[in-house]
Amino acid sequence: MAAPKGFLAVYVGEIQKKRYVVPISYLSQPSFQALLSRSEEEFEFDYPMGGLTIPCPEDTFINVTSQLQ
């Protein structure tokens, strides 16, 4: 299922991946960029789901994105 225009599908989780749809504007936010950088350093980016996969704890992702809304 494609994300709506202006949004990006992100798969989050360490073992079980959950799909989130976030605004593309999050990519320019320093806290979201920090999450992506930390994920890349610790886990490297992996795209087995066909979209951006962030293998971090789901609660970490939720905490970061809730501050952006």
N, C-alpha and C. Protein backbone atom coordinates (compact mmCIF):
# COMPACT_ATOMS: atom_id res chain seq x y z
N MET A 1 0.85 -1.18 0.00
CA MET A 1 0.00 0.00 0.00
C MET A 1 0.89 1.24 0.00
N ALA A 2 0.70 2.08 -0.94
CA ALA A 2 1.52 3.28 -1.08
C ALA A 2 1.11 4.34 -0.04
N ALA A 3 2.11 5.09 0.40
CA ALA A 3 1.85 6.20 1.32
C ALA A 3 1.23 7.35 0.53
N PRO A 4 0.37 8.13 1.15
CA PRO A 4 -0.22 9.29 0.46
C PRO A 4 0.86 10.29 0.06
N LYS A 5 0.55 11.11 -0.89
CA LYS A 5 1.48 12.13 -1.35
C LYS A 5 1.88 13.01 -0.16
N GLY A 6 3.18 13.25 -0.02
CA GLY A 6 3.68 14.08 1.06
C GLY A 6 4.00 13.30 2.33
N PHE A 7 3.85 11.98 2.26
CA PHE A 7 4.11 11.12 3.41
C PHE A 7 5.07 10.01 3.02
N LEU A 8 5.64 9.39 4.03
CA LEU A 8 6.63 8.34 3.85
C LEU A 8 6.29 7.17 4.76
N ALA A 9 6.32 5.96 4.21
CA ALA A 9 6.09 4.76 5.03
C ALA A 9 7.41 4.38 5.69
N VAL A 10 7.35 4.14 6.98
CA VAL A 10 8.52 3.76 7.77
C VAL A 10 8.16 2.52 8.56
N TYR A 11 9.03 1.54 8.54
CA TYR A 11 8.83 0.31 9.32
C TYR A 11 9.73 0.38 10.53
N VAL A 12 9.14 0.22 11.71
CA VAL A 12 9.86 0.44 12.97
C VAL A 12 9.73 -0.79 13.85
N GLY A 13 10.83 -1.13 14.49
CA GLY A 13 10.81 -2.21 15.45
C GLY A 13 12.08 -3.02 15.40
N GLU A 14 12.39 -3.67 16.50
CA GLU A 14 13.61 -4.46 16.57
C GLU A 14 13.39 -5.87 16.01
N ILE A 15 12.28 -6.49 16.34
CA ILE A 15 12.00 -7.83 15.85
C ILE A 15 10.76 -7.77 14.95
N GLN A 16 9.65 -7.41 15.52
CA GLN A 16 8.39 -7.25 14.79
C GLN A 16 8.35 -5.82 14.25
N LYS A 17 8.21 -5.66 12.96
CA LYS A 17 8.19 -4.33 12.33
C LYS A 17 6.74 -3.85 12.20
N LYS A 18 6.53 -2.60 12.61
CA LYS A 18 5.21 -1.99 12.48
C LYS A 18 5.32 -0.83 11.50
N ARG A 19 4.35 -0.70 10.62
CA ARG A 19 4.36 0.34 9.60
C ARG A 19 3.74 1.63 10.14
N TYR A 20 4.47 2.72 9.95
CA TYR A 20 3.97 4.05 10.29
C TYR A 20 4.05 4.90 9.02
N VAL A 21 3.14 5.82 8.88
CA VAL A 21 3.17 6.77 7.77
C VAL A 21 3.39 8.14 8.40
N VAL A 22 4.51 8.76 8.03
CA VAL A 22 4.88 10.04 8.62
C VAL A 22 5.04 11.09 7.51
N PRO A 23 4.84 12.34 7.85
CA PRO A 23 5.04 13.40 6.85
C PRO A 23 6.50 13.46 6.40
N ILE A 24 6.71 13.71 5.13
CA ILE A 24 8.07 13.84 4.60
C ILE A 24 8.81 14.97 5.31
N SER A 25 8.08 15.95 5.80
CA SER A 25 8.71 17.08 6.49
C SER A 25 9.51 16.64 7.72
N TYR A 26 9.20 15.46 8.28
CA TYR A 26 9.96 14.94 9.42
C TYR A 26 11.43 14.73 9.06
N LEU A 27 11.70 14.46 7.78
CA LEU A 27 13.08 14.20 7.37
C LEU A 27 14.00 15.40 7.58
N SER A 28 13.42 16.59 7.64
CA SER A 28 14.24 17.79 7.84
C SER A 28 14.34 18.19 9.31
N GLN A 29 13.67 17.47 10.19
CA GLN A 29 13.69 17.79 11.63
C GLN A 29 14.93 17.19 12.29
N PRO A 30 15.67 17.99 13.06
CA PRO A 30 16.90 17.51 13.70
C PRO A 30 16.70 16.26 14.57
N SER A 31 15.61 16.18 15.31
CA SER A 31 15.41 15.01 16.17
C SER A 31 15.15 13.74 15.35
N PHE A 32 14.44 13.87 14.23
CA PHE A 32 14.20 12.71 13.37
C PHE A 32 15.49 12.31 12.67
N GLN A 33 16.27 13.30 12.23
CA GLN A 33 17.56 13.02 11.62
C GLN A 33 18.49 12.32 12.60
N ALA A 34 18.44 12.74 13.86
CA ALA A 34 19.26 12.09 14.89
C ALA A 34 18.85 10.62 15.06
N LEU A 35 17.55 10.36 15.04
CA LEU A 35 17.07 8.98 15.13
C LEU A 35 17.57 8.15 13.95
N LEU A 36 17.50 8.71 12.76
CA LEU A 36 17.98 8.00 11.58
C LEU A 36 19.49 7.76 11.66
N SER A 37 20.23 8.76 12.10
CA SER A 37 21.69 8.61 12.22
C SER A 37 22.05 7.56 13.26
N ARG A 38 21.38 7.61 14.39
CA ARG A 38 21.65 6.64 15.46
C ARG A 38 21.30 5.23 14.99
N SER A 39 20.20 5.09 14.28
CA SER A 39 19.82 3.78 13.75
C SER A 39 20.85 3.29 12.74
N GLU A 40 21.31 4.19 11.90
CA GLU A 40 22.32 3.80 10.90
C GLU A 40 23.62 3.37 11.58
N GLU A 41 24.06 4.11 12.60
CA GLU A 41 25.30 3.77 13.30
C GLU A 41 25.20 2.45 14.04
N GLU A 42 24.09 2.24 14.71
CA GLU A 42 23.93 1.05 15.54
C GLU A 42 23.53 -0.19 14.74
N PHE A 43 22.66 -0.01 13.76
CA PHE A 43 22.06 -1.16 13.10
C PHE A 43 22.27 -1.20 11.60
N GLU A 44 22.76 -0.12 11.01
CA GLU A 44 22.83 0.06 9.57
C GLU A 44 21.41 0.04 9.01
N PHE A 45 21.20 0.72 7.91
CA PHE A 45 19.88 0.73 7.31
C PHE A 45 19.64 -0.58 6.59
N ASP A 46 18.44 -1.07 6.70
CA ASP A 46 18.04 -2.33 6.09
C ASP A 46 16.63 -2.11 5.55
N TYR A 47 16.38 -2.58 4.34
CA TYR A 47 15.09 -2.33 3.71
C TYR A 47 14.37 -3.61 3.31
N PRO A 48 14.23 -4.59 4.19
CA PRO A 48 13.59 -5.83 3.79
C PRO A 48 12.08 -5.68 3.54
N MET A 49 11.48 -4.65 4.05
CA MET A 49 10.04 -4.47 3.91
C MET A 49 9.70 -3.65 2.66
N GLY A 50 10.71 -3.18 1.92
CA GLY A 50 10.46 -2.39 0.74
C GLY A 50 10.32 -0.90 1.03
N GLY A 51 10.53 -0.51 2.27
CA GLY A 51 10.48 0.90 2.67
C GLY A 51 11.56 1.15 3.70
N LEU A 52 11.66 2.36 4.14
CA LEU A 52 12.65 2.71 5.14
C LEU A 52 12.37 1.93 6.41
N THR A 53 13.37 1.18 6.87
CA THR A 53 13.23 0.38 8.08
C THR A 53 14.16 0.94 9.15
N ILE A 54 13.59 1.25 10.30
CA ILE A 54 14.36 1.77 11.43
C ILE A 54 14.27 0.72 12.54
N PRO A 55 15.34 -0.04 12.74
CA PRO A 55 15.29 -1.12 13.72
C PRO A 55 15.56 -0.65 15.15
N CYS A 56 14.79 0.31 15.59
CA CYS A 56 14.92 0.82 16.96
C CYS A 56 13.67 0.42 17.74
N PRO A 57 13.71 0.54 19.05
CA PRO A 57 12.49 0.25 19.82
C PRO A 57 11.34 1.16 19.37
N GLU A 58 10.17 0.60 19.28
CA GLU A 58 9.00 1.35 18.82
C GLU A 58 8.71 2.55 19.72
N ASP A 59 8.89 2.41 21.03
CA ASP A 59 8.62 3.52 21.94
C ASP A 59 9.57 4.69 21.70
N THR A 60 10.80 4.41 21.29
CA THR A 60 11.74 5.49 20.96
C THR A 60 11.23 6.28 19.76
N PHE A 61 10.80 5.56 18.73
CA PHE A 61 10.26 6.20 17.54
C PHE A 61 9.03 7.04 17.88
N ILE A 62 8.15 6.50 18.68
CA ILE A 62 6.93 7.22 19.07
C ILE A 62 7.27 8.47 19.86
N ASN A 63 8.24 8.38 20.77
CA ASN A 63 8.65 9.56 21.55
C ASN A 63 9.19 10.67 20.64
N VAL A 64 10.01 10.30 19.68
CA VAL A 64 10.58 11.29 18.77
C VAL A 64 9.49 11.92 17.91
N THR A 65 8.66 11.11 17.30
CA THR A 65 7.65 11.66 16.38
C THR A 65 6.54 12.41 17.11
N SER A 66 6.25 12.03 18.34
CA SER A 66 5.21 12.76 19.07
C SER A 66 5.65 14.19 19.39
N GLN A 67 6.93 14.40 19.51
CA GLN A 67 7.45 15.75 19.75
C GLN A 67 7.40 16.61 18.50
N LEU A 68 7.31 15.98 17.34
CA LEU A 68 7.29 16.71 16.07
C LEU A 68 5.88 17.13 15.66
N GLN A 69 4.87 16.54 16.25
CA GLN A 69 3.50 16.84 15.84
C GLN A 69 3.01 18.14 16.40
